[in-house]
C-alpha atoms as a PDB file:
ATOM      1  CA  MET A   1     103.943 118.926  91.183  1.00  0.00           C
ATOM      2  CA  LEU A   2     104.930 117.535  87.907  1.00  0.00           C
ATOM      3  CA  LYS A   3     103.625 118.800  84.487  1.00  0.00           C
ATOM      4  CA  VAL A   4     102.009 116.077  82.280  1.00  0.00           C
ATOM      5  CA  GLN A   5     104.218 117.592  79.456  1.00  0.00           C
ATOM      6  CA  GLU A   6     107.403 117.090  81.524  1.00  0.00           C
ATOM      7  CA  PHE A   7     106.326 113.738  82.674  1.00  0.00           C
ATOM      8  CA  TYR A   8     105.991 112.630  78.942  1.00  0.00           C
ATOM      9  CA  LYS A   9     109.315 113.965  77.895  1.00  0.00           C
ATOM     10  CA  LYS A  10     111.103 112.427  80.816  1.00  0.00           C
ATOM     11  CA  TYR A  11     109.451 108.938  80.735  1.00  0.00           C
ATOM     12  CA  LYS A  12     108.278 108.551  77.129  1.00  0.00           C
ATOM     13  CA  GLU A  13     110.880 106.050  76.211  1.00  0.00           C
ATOM     14  CA  LEU A  14     110.998 104.069  79.586  1.00  0.00           C
ATOM     15  CA  LEU A  15     107.208 103.749  79.576  1.00  0.00           C
ATOM     16  CA  ALA A  16     107.018 103.250  75.770  1.00  0.00           C
ATOM     17  CA  LEU A  17     104.455 106.189  75.850  1.00  0.00           C
ATOM     18  CA  GLU A  18     102.575 107.306  72.598  1.00  0.00           C
ATOM     19  CA  GLY A  19     100.374 110.407  72.867  1.00  0.00           C
ATOM     20  CA  THR A  20      96.934 109.821  71.129  1.00  0.00           C
ATOM     21  CA  LEU A  21      95.229 113.300  71.479  1.00  0.00           C
ATOM     22  CA  SER A  22      97.939 115.528  70.362  1.00  0.00           C
ATOM     23  CA  GLU A  23      99.074 117.627  73.086  1.00  0.00           C
ATOM     24  CA  ILE A  24      95.813 117.958  74.910  1.00  0.00           C
ATOM     25  CA  GLY A  25      96.100 118.021  78.432  1.00  0.00           C
ATOM     26  CA  PHE A  26      99.877 118.830  78.499  1.00  0.00           C
ATOM     27  CA  GLY A  27      99.535 121.810  80.804  1.00  0.00           C
ATOM     28  CA  LYS A  28      97.868 119.637  83.562  1.00  0.00           C
ATOM     29  CA  SER A  29      99.969 119.009  86.606  1.00  0.00           C
ATOM     30  CA  ILE A  30     100.375 115.387  88.340  1.00  0.00           C
ATOM     31  CA  LYS A  31      99.977 116.180  91.938  1.00  0.00           C
ATOM     32  CA  VAL A  32     100.160 113.075  93.988  1.00  0.00           C
ATOM     33  CA  ALA A  33     102.599 110.150  93.596  1.00  0.00           C
ATOM     34  CA  GLU A  34      99.848 107.632  93.375  1.00  0.00           C
ATOM     35  CA  VAL A  35      98.693 105.699  90.435  1.00  0.00           C
ATOM     36  CA  GLU A  36      95.279 103.620  90.264  1.00  0.00           C
ATOM     37  CA  ARG A  37      93.496 101.272  87.856  1.00  0.00           C
ATOM     38  CA  PRO A  38      89.753 102.442  88.005  1.00  0.00           C
ATOM     39  CA  GLY A  39      88.689  98.600  88.376  1.00  0.00           C
ATOM     40  CA  LEU A  40      85.685  98.918  90.952  1.00  0.00           C
ATOM     41  CA  ALA A  41      84.813 102.452  90.014  1.00  0.00           C
ATOM     42  CA  LEU A  42      83.820 101.460  86.713  1.00  0.00           C
ATOM     43  CA  THR A  43      80.919  99.482  87.977  1.00  0.00           C
ATOM     44  CA  GLY A  44      79.456 102.691  89.816  1.00  0.00           C
ATOM     45  CA  PHE A  45      80.980 102.240  93.061  1.00  0.00           C
ATOM     46  CA  LEU A  46      82.671 105.657  93.556  1.00  0.00           C
ATOM     47  CA  LYS A  47      82.601 106.085  97.353  1.00  0.00           C
ATOM     48  CA  TRP A  48      86.532 105.927  97.865  1.00  0.00           C
ATOM     49  CA  TYR A  49      87.520 106.751  94.450  1.00  0.00           C
ATOM     50  CA  SER A  50      90.115 109.293  94.119  1.00  0.00           C
ATOM     51  CA  GLN A  51      89.990 112.041  91.331  1.00  0.00           C
ATOM     52  CA  LYS A  52      93.458 113.154  91.509  1.00  0.00           C
ATOM     53  CA  ARG A  53      95.663 110.064  90.638  1.00  0.00           C
ATOM     54  CA  LEU A  54      96.902 109.108  87.513  1.00  0.00           C
ATOM     55  CA  LEU A  55      94.735 106.314  85.822  1.00  0.00           C
ATOM     56  CA  VAL A  56      95.937 103.156  84.098  1.00  0.00           C
ATOM     57  CA  PHE A  57      93.216 101.152  82.073  1.00  0.00           C
ATOM     58  CA  GLY A  58      94.520  97.715  81.580  1.00  0.00           C
ATOM     59  CA  ARG A  59      92.986  94.549  79.600  1.00  0.00           C
ATOM     60  CA  GLY A  60      90.664  93.999  82.241  1.00  0.00           C
ATOM     61  CA  GLU A  61      89.256  97.438  82.461  1.00  0.00           C
ATOM     62  CA  MET A  62      88.935  97.547  78.531  1.00  0.00           C
ATOM     63  CA  GLU A  63      87.385  93.952  78.252  1.00  0.00           C
ATOM     64  CA  TYR A  64      84.880  94.864  80.974  1.00  0.00           C
ATOM     65  CA  LEU A  65      83.913  98.411  79.335  1.00  0.00           C
ATOM     66  CA  ARG A  66      83.608  96.405  75.778  1.00  0.00           C
ATOM     67  CA  GLU A  67      80.842  94.204  77.350  1.00  0.00           C
ATOM     68  CA  LEU A  68      78.783  97.276  78.312  1.00  0.00           C
ATOM     69  CA  SER A  69      76.257  98.861  76.116  1.00  0.00           C
ATOM     70  CA  ASP A  70      77.244 102.284  74.324  1.00  0.00           C
ATOM     71  CA  GLU A  71      75.040 104.167  76.648  1.00  0.00           C
ATOM     72  CA  LEU A  72      76.286 102.466  79.991  1.00  0.00           C
ATOM     73  CA  ARG A  73      80.070 102.688  78.849  1.00  0.00           C
ATOM     74  CA  PHE A  74      79.551 106.343  78.226  1.00  0.00           C
ATOM     75  CA  LYS A  75      77.977 106.893  81.760  1.00  0.00           C
ATOM     76  CA  ARG A  76      80.504 104.906  83.504  1.00  0.00           C
ATOM     77  CA  LEU A  77      83.499 106.573  81.948  1.00  0.00           C
ATOM     78  CA  GLU A  78      81.997 109.884  82.330  1.00  0.00           C
ATOM     79  CA  GLU A  79      81.869 109.301  86.159  1.00  0.00           C
ATOM     80  CA  VAL A  80      85.553 107.784  86.235  1.00  0.00           C
ATOM     81  CA  LEU A  81      87.213 110.337  83.999  1.00  0.00           C
ATOM     82  CA  SER A  82      86.802 113.395  86.289  1.00  0.00           C
ATOM     83  CA  VAL A  83      88.429 116.799  85.475  1.00  0.00           C
ATOM     84  CA  GLY A  84      90.821 116.379  88.184  1.00  0.00           C
ATOM     85  CA  ILE A  85      92.692 113.341  86.871  1.00  0.00           C
ATOM     86  CA  PRO A  86      96.041 114.423  85.379  1.00  0.00           C
ATOM     87  CA  CYS A  87      96.361 111.831  82.529  1.00  0.00           C
ATOM     88  CA  VAL A  88      95.347 108.389  81.493  1.00  0.00           C
ATOM     89  CA  ILE A  89      97.329 105.553  79.963  1.00  0.00           C
ATOM     90  CA  VAL A  90      95.967 102.611  78.282  1.00  0.00           C
ATOM     91  CA  THR A  91      98.312  99.477  78.283  1.00  0.00           C
ATOM     92  CA  ARG A  92      99.048  96.638  75.862  1.00  0.00           C
ATOM     93  CA  ASN A  93      98.681  98.827  72.737  1.00  0.00           C
ATOM     94  CA  LEU A  94      94.886  98.493  73.214  1.00  0.00           C
ATOM     95  CA  LYS A  95      92.737 100.985  71.192  1.00  0.00           C
ATOM     96  CA  PRO A  96      90.778 103.490  73.520  1.00  0.00           C
ATOM     97  CA  PHE A  97      87.267 103.792  72.899  1.00  0.00           C
ATOM     98  CA  PRO A  98      85.616 106.564  70.998  1.00  0.00           C
ATOM     99  CA  GLU A  99      83.939 107.640  74.076  1.00  0.00           C
ATOM    100  CA  MET A 100      86.928 107.663  76.087  1.00  0.00           C
ATOM    101  CA  GLN A 101      88.575 109.889  73.484  1.00  0.00           C
ATOM    102  CA  ALA A 102      85.794 112.235  73.334  1.00  0.00           C
ATOM    103  CA  ILE A 103      85.308 112.681  77.176  1.00  0.00           C
ATOM    104  CA  LEU A 104      88.973 113.271  77.684  1.00  0.00           C
ATOM    105  CA  LYS A 105      89.288 115.671  74.733  1.00  0.00           C
ATOM    106  CA  GLU A 106      86.254 117.575  76.090  1.00  0.00           C
ATOM    107  CA  ARG A 107      87.880 117.792  79.726  1.00  0.00           C
ATOM    108  CA  GLY A 108      91.315 118.701  78.555  1.00  0.00           C
ATOM    109  CA  ILE A 109      93.012 115.361  79.936  1.00  0.00           C
ATOM    110  CA  ALA A 110      96.131 113.686  78.120  1.00  0.00           C
ATOM    111  CA  LEU A 111      95.630 110.225  76.735  1.00  0.00           C
ATOM    112  CA  PHE A 112      98.628 107.796  76.254  1.00  0.00           C
ATOM    113  CA  ARG A 113      99.044 104.368  74.982  1.00  0.00           C
ATOM    114  CA  THR A 114     101.760 101.824  75.745  1.00  0.00           C
ATOM    115  CA  GLN A 115     102.726  98.450  74.248  1.00  0.00           C
ATOM    116  CA  LEU A 116     103.866  97.476  77.829  1.00  0.00           C
ATOM    117  CA  ALA A 117     101.801  95.052  80.252  1.00  0.00           C
ATOM    118  CA  THR A 118      99.713  96.832  82.763  1.00  0.00           C
ATOM    119  CA  ALA A 119     101.745  95.302  85.630  1.00  0.00           C
ATOM    120  CA  ASP A 120     104.880  96.398  84.365  1.00  0.00           C
ATOM    121  CA  VAL A 121     103.669  99.905  83.719  1.00  0.00           C
ATOM    122  CA  MET A 122     102.173 100.230  87.225  1.00  0.00           C
ATOM    123  CA  ARG A 123     105.686  98.994  88.823  1.00  0.00           C
ATOM    124  CA  LYS A 124     107.602 101.535  86.760  1.00  0.00           C
ATOM    125  CA  LEU A 125     105.098 104.337  87.366  1.00  0.00           C
ATOM    126  CA  THR A 126     105.374 103.793  91.056  1.00  0.00           C
ATOM    127  CA  VAL A 127     109.260 104.171  90.944  1.00  0.00           C
ATOM    128  CA  CYS A 128     109.112 107.270  88.879  1.00  0.00           C
ATOM    129  CA  LEU A 129     106.427 109.001  90.761  1.00  0.00           C
ATOM    130  CA  GLY A 130     108.108 108.048  93.976  1.00  0.00           C
ATOM    131  CA  GLU A 131     111.331 109.621  92.732  1.00  0.00           C
ATOM    132  CA  GLU A 132     109.737 112.763  91.515  1.00  0.00           C
ATOM    133  CA  PHE A 133     107.758 113.436  94.611  1.00  0.00           C
ATOM    134  CA  ALA A 134     110.005 112.229  97.305  1.00  0.00           C
ATOM    135  CA  PRO A 135     110.698 115.030  99.924  1.00  0.00           C
ATOM    136  CA  LYS A 136     114.202 116.524  99.287  1.00  0.00           C
ATOM    137  CA  MET A 137     116.363 119.475 100.303  1.00  0.00           C
ATOM    138  CA  SER A 138     119.953 120.480  99.824  1.00  0.00           C
ATOM    139  CA  THR A 139     122.538 120.878 102.247  1.00  0.00           C
ATOM    140  CA  HIS A 140     126.214 122.258 102.033  1.00  0.00           C
ATOM    141  CA  ALA A 141     128.352 119.221 102.634  1.00  0.00           C
ATOM    142  CA  CYS A 142     130.515 116.437 101.098  1.00  0.00           C
ATOM    143  CA  LEU A 143     129.029 112.944 100.656  1.00  0.00           C
ATOM    144  CA  VAL A 144     131.523 109.917 100.412  1.00  0.00           C
ATOM    145  CA  GLU A 145     130.821 106.398 100.589  1.00  0.00           C
ATOM    146  CA  ALA A 146     133.351 104.613 102.833  1.00  0.00           C
ATOM    147  CA  PHE A 147     133.230 100.863 103.784  1.00  0.00           C
ATOM    148  CA  GLY A 148     129.989 100.552 102.304  1.00  0.00           C
ATOM    149  CA  LEU A 149     128.278 103.505 104.397  1.00  0.00           C
ATOM    150  CA  GLY A 150     127.398 106.879 103.291  1.00  0.00           C
ATOM    151  CA  ILE A 151     129.132 109.556 105.377  1.00  0.00           C
ATOM    152  CA  LEU A 152     128.017 113.086 105.112  1.00  0.00           C
ATOM    153  CA  ILE A 153     130.827 115.490 105.850  1.00  0.00           C
ATOM    154  CA  GLN A 154     129.671 118.907 107.322  1.00  0.00           C
ATOM    155  CA  GLY A 155     131.945 121.783 108.661  1.00  0.00           C
ATOM    156  CA  ASP A 156     132.356 125.566 107.898  1.00  0.00           C
ATOM    157  CA  SER A 157     133.609 126.756 104.702  1.00  0.00           C
ATOM    158  CA  SER A 158     137.530 126.247 104.286  1.00  0.00           C
ATOM    159  CA  VAL A 159     137.538 123.642 107.413  1.00  0.00           C
ATOM    160  CA  GLY A 160     139.047 120.873 105.157  1.00  0.00           C
ATOM    161  CA  LYS A 161     135.857 118.909 104.050  1.00  0.00           C
ATOM    162  CA  SER A 162     136.910 118.458 100.368  1.00  0.00           C
ATOM    163  CA  GLU A 163     140.608 117.628 101.342  1.00  0.00           C
ATOM    164  CA  ALA A 164     139.153 115.031 103.776  1.00  0.00           C
ATOM    165  CA  ALA A 165     136.984 113.611 100.998  1.00  0.00           C
ATOM    166  CA  LEU A 166     139.914 113.362  98.535  1.00  0.00           C
ATOM    167  CA  GLY A 167     142.019 111.657 101.278  1.00  0.00           C
ATOM    168  CA  LEU A 168     139.290 109.139 101.709  1.00  0.00           C
ATOM    169  CA  ILE A 169     139.082 108.793  97.860  1.00  0.00           C
ATOM    170  CA  GLU A 170     142.928 108.076  97.735  1.00  0.00           C
ATOM    171  CA  ARG A 171     142.188 105.398 100.025  1.00  0.00           C
ATOM    172  CA  GLY A 172     139.836 103.641  97.760  1.00  0.00           C
ATOM    173  CA  HIS A 173     136.468 104.961  98.918  1.00  0.00           C
ATOM    174  CA  ARG A 174     133.951 106.753  96.542  1.00  0.00           C
ATOM    175  CA  LEU A 175     132.912 110.272  96.167  1.00  0.00           C
ATOM    176  CA  VAL A 176     129.078 111.013  95.822  1.00  0.00           C
ATOM    177  CA  SER A 177     129.094 114.975  95.725  1.00  0.00           C
ATOM    178  CA  ASP A 178     131.173 117.872  96.883  1.00  0.00           C
ATOM    179  CA  ASP A 179     129.879 121.221  98.269  1.00  0.00           C
ATOM    180  CA  ILE A 180     126.225 120.566  97.793  1.00  0.00           C
ATOM    181  CA  VAL A 181     124.220 117.402  98.504  1.00  0.00           C
ATOM    182  CA  ILE A 182     120.723 116.810  97.468  1.00  0.00           C
ATOM    183  CA  LEU A 183     118.956 114.698 100.291  1.00  0.00           C
ATOM    184  CA  LYS A 184     115.867 112.657  99.608  1.00  0.00           C
ATOM    185  CA  ARG A 185     113.760 110.779 101.870  1.00  0.00           C
ATOM    186  CA  ARG A 186     113.259 107.189 100.638  1.00  0.00           C
ATOM    187  CA  GLU A 187     110.316 104.986 101.736  1.00  0.00           C
ATOM    188  CA  GLY A 188     109.523 107.467 104.589  1.00  0.00           C
ATOM    189  CA  PHE A 189     112.344 106.075 107.018  1.00  0.00           C
ATOM    190  CA  TYR A 190     116.133 106.648 105.317  1.00  0.00           C
ATOM    191  CA  LEU A 191     117.664 109.323 103.349  1.00  0.00           C
ATOM    192  CA  GLU A 192     119.470 109.044 100.104  1.00  0.00           C
ATOM    193  CA  GLY A 193     121.984 111.867  98.842  1.00  0.00           C
ATOM    194  CA  GLU A 194     123.289 112.747  95.318  1.00  0.00           C
ATOM    195  CA  GLY A 195     124.930 115.757  93.796  1.00  0.00           C
ATOM    196  CA  PRO A 196     123.809 118.353  91.285  1.00  0.00           C
ATOM    197  CA  GLU A 197     124.275 117.445  87.602  1.00  0.00           C
ATOM    198  CA  LEU A 198     126.391 120.443  87.037  1.00  0.00           C
ATOM    199  CA  THR A 199     129.208 119.436  89.696  1.00  0.00           C
ATOM    200  CA  LYS A 200     128.647 115.693  89.252  1.00  0.00           C
ATOM    201  CA  HIS A 201     132.138 113.904  89.990  1.00  0.00           C
ATOM    202  CA  MET A 202     133.701 117.259  90.684  1.00  0.00           C
ATOM    203  CA  LEU A 203     135.791 118.272  93.734  1.00  0.00           C
ATOM    204  CA  GLU A 204     136.915 121.804  94.640  1.00  0.00           C
ATOM    205  CA  ILE A 205     140.326 121.977  96.321  1.00  0.00           C
ATOM    206  CA  ARG A 206     141.590 125.511  97.146  1.00  0.00           C
ATOM    207  CA  GLY A 207     144.962 126.305  95.598  1.00  0.00           C
ATOM    208  CA  ILE A 208     144.285 123.798  92.771  1.00  0.00           C
ATOM    209  CA  GLY A 209     140.698 124.337  91.591  1.00  0.00           C
ATOM    210  CA  ILE A 210     138.122 122.047  90.267  1.00  0.00           C
ATOM    211  CA  ILE A 211     139.168 118.553  89.658  1.00  0.00           C
ATOM    212  CA  ASN A 212     137.108 115.521  88.114  1.00  0.00           C
ATOM    213  CA  VAL A 213     137.753 112.716  90.435  1.00  0.00           C
ATOM    214  CA  ALA A 214     136.514 110.190  87.690  1.00  0.00           C
ATOM    215  CA  HIS A 215     139.036 111.159  85.295  1.00  0.00           C
ATOM    216  CA  LEU A 216     141.837 111.367  87.750  1.00  0.00           C
ATOM    217  CA  TYR A 217     141.319 108.419  89.965  1.00  0.00           C
ATOM    218  CA  GLY A 218     138.917 106.463  87.523  1.00  0.00           C
ATOM    219  CA  ALA A 219     135.353 105.691  87.613  1.00  0.00           C
ATOM    220  CA  VAL A 220     135.351 103.080  90.482  1.00  0.00           C
ATOM    221  CA  CYS A 221     136.174 106.019  92.808  1.00  0.00           C
ATOM    222  CA  VAL A 222     132.738 107.830  92.066  1.00  0.00           C
ATOM    223  CA  SER A 223     129.407 106.909  92.902  1.00  0.00           C
ATOM    224  CA  GLU A 224     125.849 108.401  91.581  1.00  0.00           C
ATOM    225  CA  LYS A 225     124.002 108.418  94.927  1.00  0.00           C
ATOM    226  CA  ALA A 226     124.341 106.764  98.434  1.00  0.00           C
ATOM    227  CA  ARG A 227     122.212 106.250 101.555  1.00  0.00           C
ATOM    228  CA  ILE A 228     123.040 108.370 104.328  1.00  0.00           C
ATOM    229  CA  ASP A 229     124.081 106.298 107.278  1.00  0.00           C
ATOM    230  CA  LEU A 230     126.112 108.903 109.421  1.00  0.00           C
ATOM    231  CA  VAL A 231     126.822 112.668 109.757  1.00  0.00           C
ATOM    232  CA  VAL A 232     130.407 113.774 110.936  1.00  0.00           C
ATOM    233  CA  ARG A 233     130.850 117.547 111.403  1.00  0.00           C
ATOM    234  CA  ILE A 234     134.458 118.754 111.299  1.00  0.00           C
ATOM    235  CA  GLU A 235     135.378 121.661 113.341  1.00  0.00           C
ATOM    236  CA  GLU A 236     138.408 123.467 114.419  1.00  0.00           C
ATOM    237  CA  TRP A 237     139.840 122.274 117.696  1.00  0.00           C
ATOM    238  CA  ASP A 238     138.408 124.805 120.492  1.00  0.00           C
ATOM    239  CA  SER A 239     140.596 124.489 123.637  1.00  0.00           C
ATOM    240  CA  GLY A 240     137.647 125.918 125.681  1.00  0.00           C
ATOM    241  CA  HIS A 241     135.262 123.479 124.313  1.00  0.00           C
ATOM    242  CA  PHE A 242     134.624 120.177 126.197  1.00  0.00           C
ATOM    243  CA  TYR A 243     134.526 117.111 123.865  1.00  0.00           C
ATOM    244  CA  ASP A 244     133.178 113.682 124.403  1.00  0.00           C
ATOM    245  CA  ARG A 245     136.199 111.405 125.334  1.00  0.00           C
ATOM    246  CA  ILE A 246     134.117 108.134 125.875  1.00  0.00           C
ATOM    247  CA  GLY A 247     131.323 108.175 123.321  1.00  0.00           C
ATOM    248  CA  LEU A 248     128.339 107.033 125.623  1.00  0.00           C
ATOM    249  CA  GLU A 249     125.964 109.694 124.479  1.00  0.00           C
ATOM    250  CA  GLU A 250     124.381 108.937 121.141  1.00  0.00           C
ATOM    251  CA  LYS A 251     123.922 112.079 119.037  1.00  0.00           C
ATOM    252  CA  PHE A 252     121.408 112.601 116.031  1.00  0.00           C
ATOM    253  CA  LEU A 253     120.747 115.173 113.398  1.00  0.00           C
ATOM    254  CA  GLU A 254     117.393 115.223 111.754  1.00  0.00           C
ATOM    255  CA  PHE A 255     116.887 115.928 107.969  1.00  0.00           C
ATOM    256  CA  LEU A 256     113.400 115.652 106.465  1.00  0.00           C
ATOM    257  CA  HIS A 257     112.023 114.142 109.601  1.00  0.00           C
ATOM    258  CA  VAL A 258     114.624 111.451 109.693  1.00  0.00           C
ATOM    259  CA  LYS A 259     117.163 110.898 112.336  1.00  0.00           C
ATOM    260  CA  VAL A 260     120.786 110.200 111.502  1.00  0.00           C
ATOM    261  CA  PRO A 261     123.618 109.400 113.719  1.00  0.00           C
ATOM    262  CA  PHE A 262     125.836 112.314 114.332  1.00  0.00           C
ATOM    263  CA  TYR A 263     129.540 112.603 115.390  1.00  0.00           C
ATOM    264  CA  MET A 264     131.676 115.820 116.120  1.00  0.00           C
ATOM    265  CA  LEU A 265     135.380 115.683 115.006  1.00  0.00           C
ATOM    266  CA  PRO A 266     137.545 118.381 116.181  1.00  0.00           C
ATOM    267  CA  VAL A 267     140.586 118.969 114.048  1.00  0.00           C
ATOM    268  CA  LYS A 268     144.070 120.774 114.670  1.00  0.00           C
ATOM    269  CA  PRO A 269     147.470 120.487 112.992  1.00  0.00           C
ATOM    270  CA  GLY A 270     148.929 116.863 113.411  1.00  0.00           C
ATOM    271  CA  ARG A 271     145.695 114.918 113.488  1.00  0.00           C
ATOM    272  CA  ASP A 272     145.007 112.643 110.432  1.00  0.00           C
ATOM    273  CA  VAL A 273     141.590 113.601 109.808  1.00  0.00           C
ATOM    274  CA  VAL A 274     141.154 110.942 107.034  1.00  0.00           C
ATOM    275  CA  LEU A 275     142.183 108.079 109.402  1.00  0.00           C
ATOM    276  CA  LEU A 276     139.798 109.692 112.000  1.00  0.00           C
ATOM    277  CA  LEU A 277     136.915 109.493 109.592  1.00  0.00           C
ATOM    278  CA  GLU A 278     137.644 105.826 108.571  1.00  0.00           C
ATOM    279  CA  THR A 279     137.612 105.136 112.347  1.00  0.00           C
ATOM    280  CA  VAL A 280     134.455 106.707 112.940  1.00  0.00           C
ATOM    281  CA  VAL A 281     133.018 104.854 110.114  1.00  0.00           C
ATOM    282  CA  LEU A 282     134.357 101.480 111.227  1.00  0.00           C
ATOM    283  CA  ASN A 283     133.214 102.124 114.706  1.00  0.00           C
ATOM    284  CA  HIS A 284     129.686 103.012 113.577  1.00  0.00           C
ATOM    285  CA  ARG A 285     129.406  99.772 111.826  1.00  0.00           C
ATOM    286  CA  LEU A 286     130.592  97.701 114.800  1.00  0.00           C
ATOM    287  CA  LYS A 287     127.627  99.613 116.699  1.00  0.00           C
ATOM    288  CA  GLN A 288     125.260  98.371 113.974  1.00  0.00           C
ATOM    289  CA  ARG A 289     126.324  94.878 114.800  1.00  0.00           C
ATOM    290  CA  GLY A 290     125.649  95.312 118.481  1.00  0.00           C
ATOM    291  CA  TYR A 291     129.221  95.943 119.550  1.00  0.00           C
ATOM    292  CA  HIS A 292     129.533  99.212 121.606  1.00  0.00           C
ATOM    293  CA  SER A 293     132.965  99.868 122.911  1.00  0.00           C
ATOM    294  CA  ALA A 294     132.140 102.683 125.175  1.00  0.00           C
ATOM    295  CA  LYS A 295     129.382 100.747 126.684  1.00  0.00           C
ATOM    296  CA  GLU A 296     131.580  97.873 127.172  1.00  0.00           C
ATOM    297  CA  PHE A 297     134.116 100.000 128.784  1.00  0.00           C
ATOM    298  CA  ASN A 298     131.719 101.693 130.996  1.00  0.00           C
ATOM    299  CA  VAL A 299     130.562  98.025 132.101  1.00  0.00           C
ATOM    300  CA  LYS A 300     134.067  97.109 132.975  1.00  0.00           C
ATOM    301  CA  LEU A 301     134.667 100.341 134.850  1.00  0.00           C
ATOM    302  CA  LEU A 302     131.622 100.040 137.146  1.00  0.00           C
ATOM    303  CA  ASP A 303     132.439  96.458 137.727  1.00  0.00           C
ATOM    304  CA  THR A 304     136.186  97.523 138.661  1.00  0.00           C
ATOM    305  CA  ILE A 305     134.583 100.068 140.978  1.00  0.00           C
ATOM    306  CA  ARG A 306     132.059  97.745 142.740  1.00  0.00           C
ATOM    307  CA  ALA A 307     134.913  95.335 143.070  1.00  0.00           C
ATOM    308  CA  ARG A 308     137.238  97.730 144.794  1.00  0.00           C
ATOM    309  CA  GLU A 309     134.395  99.062 147.178  1.00  0.00           C
ATOM    310  CA  LYS A 310     133.647  95.202 148.079  1.00  0.00           C
ATOM    311  CA  ARG A 311     137.469  94.783 149.030  1.00  0.00           C
ATOM    312  CA  LYS A 312     137.392  97.963 151.163  1.00  0.00           C
ATOM    313  CA  SER A 313     134.316  96.904 153.015  1.00  0.00           C
ATOM    314  CA  SER A 314     135.468  93.400 153.815  1.00  0.00           C
ATOM    315  CA  ILE A 315     138.977  94.819 155.063  1.00  0.00           C
ATOM    316  CA  SER A 316     137.258  97.257 157.241  1.00  0.00           C
END
């Protein structure tokens, strides 16, 4: 939920909002990420009308109300301006009707005006509320953008995630966040990651401490956010564990009901982790373009086996 007062403070400049009823209704909450123009509801058809959405009155609605009699206008506004509405925005700097102000004041609903056009307000509101209400979670990891792909590096504490991220930065890639990554589900089908404001552009290296990547390597080496394209988990090499040597099996991790390709990367002294991470990313890009090295190898292997069996049968 988003308090109307918080909404006003955060998006006042973006939406050019001006409060017209003092701070009445600022304690209400916006509960859904949906915006609506009353339109048809003003004619009295309320069958599919939602009473929870933020309402926007544009020039069309205001002109229609202006043509109604005072009595009918008051009746229509009473029907539309239900108590459940979080707030009302009137666009194009149009003057709200006295009936509208009286009803909103009585029901404790905030009223704002803006000089922006209705279409512009609707577009910006959709983006703002989508950002506020996007499903989100935080995870312990590093997020780096390499070769245009967002790579979420997981692993136990002190396994070397931050050092691997630093190595990628030295090779020209970009840091998004270290230690804590906030994941958001976008448009219902992909994930986007960013870092907390407190630790933005910071990297923790044991033995050195906190470093500011933007100051050390330049602003080109950091990014505010990135799409999560793959997850790589770094773990210490376990000689008793079986690791996939071909890569035929596709693995995924699920965050916020979105599946992301997953790779396990065992490390031990002598292995160039940064080079391996770059190889994982480049190989993943090839897969996205329809070229799967492991599957191609498997096809060649099967063809070779069939050819040998055919020669054996012909000899016998």
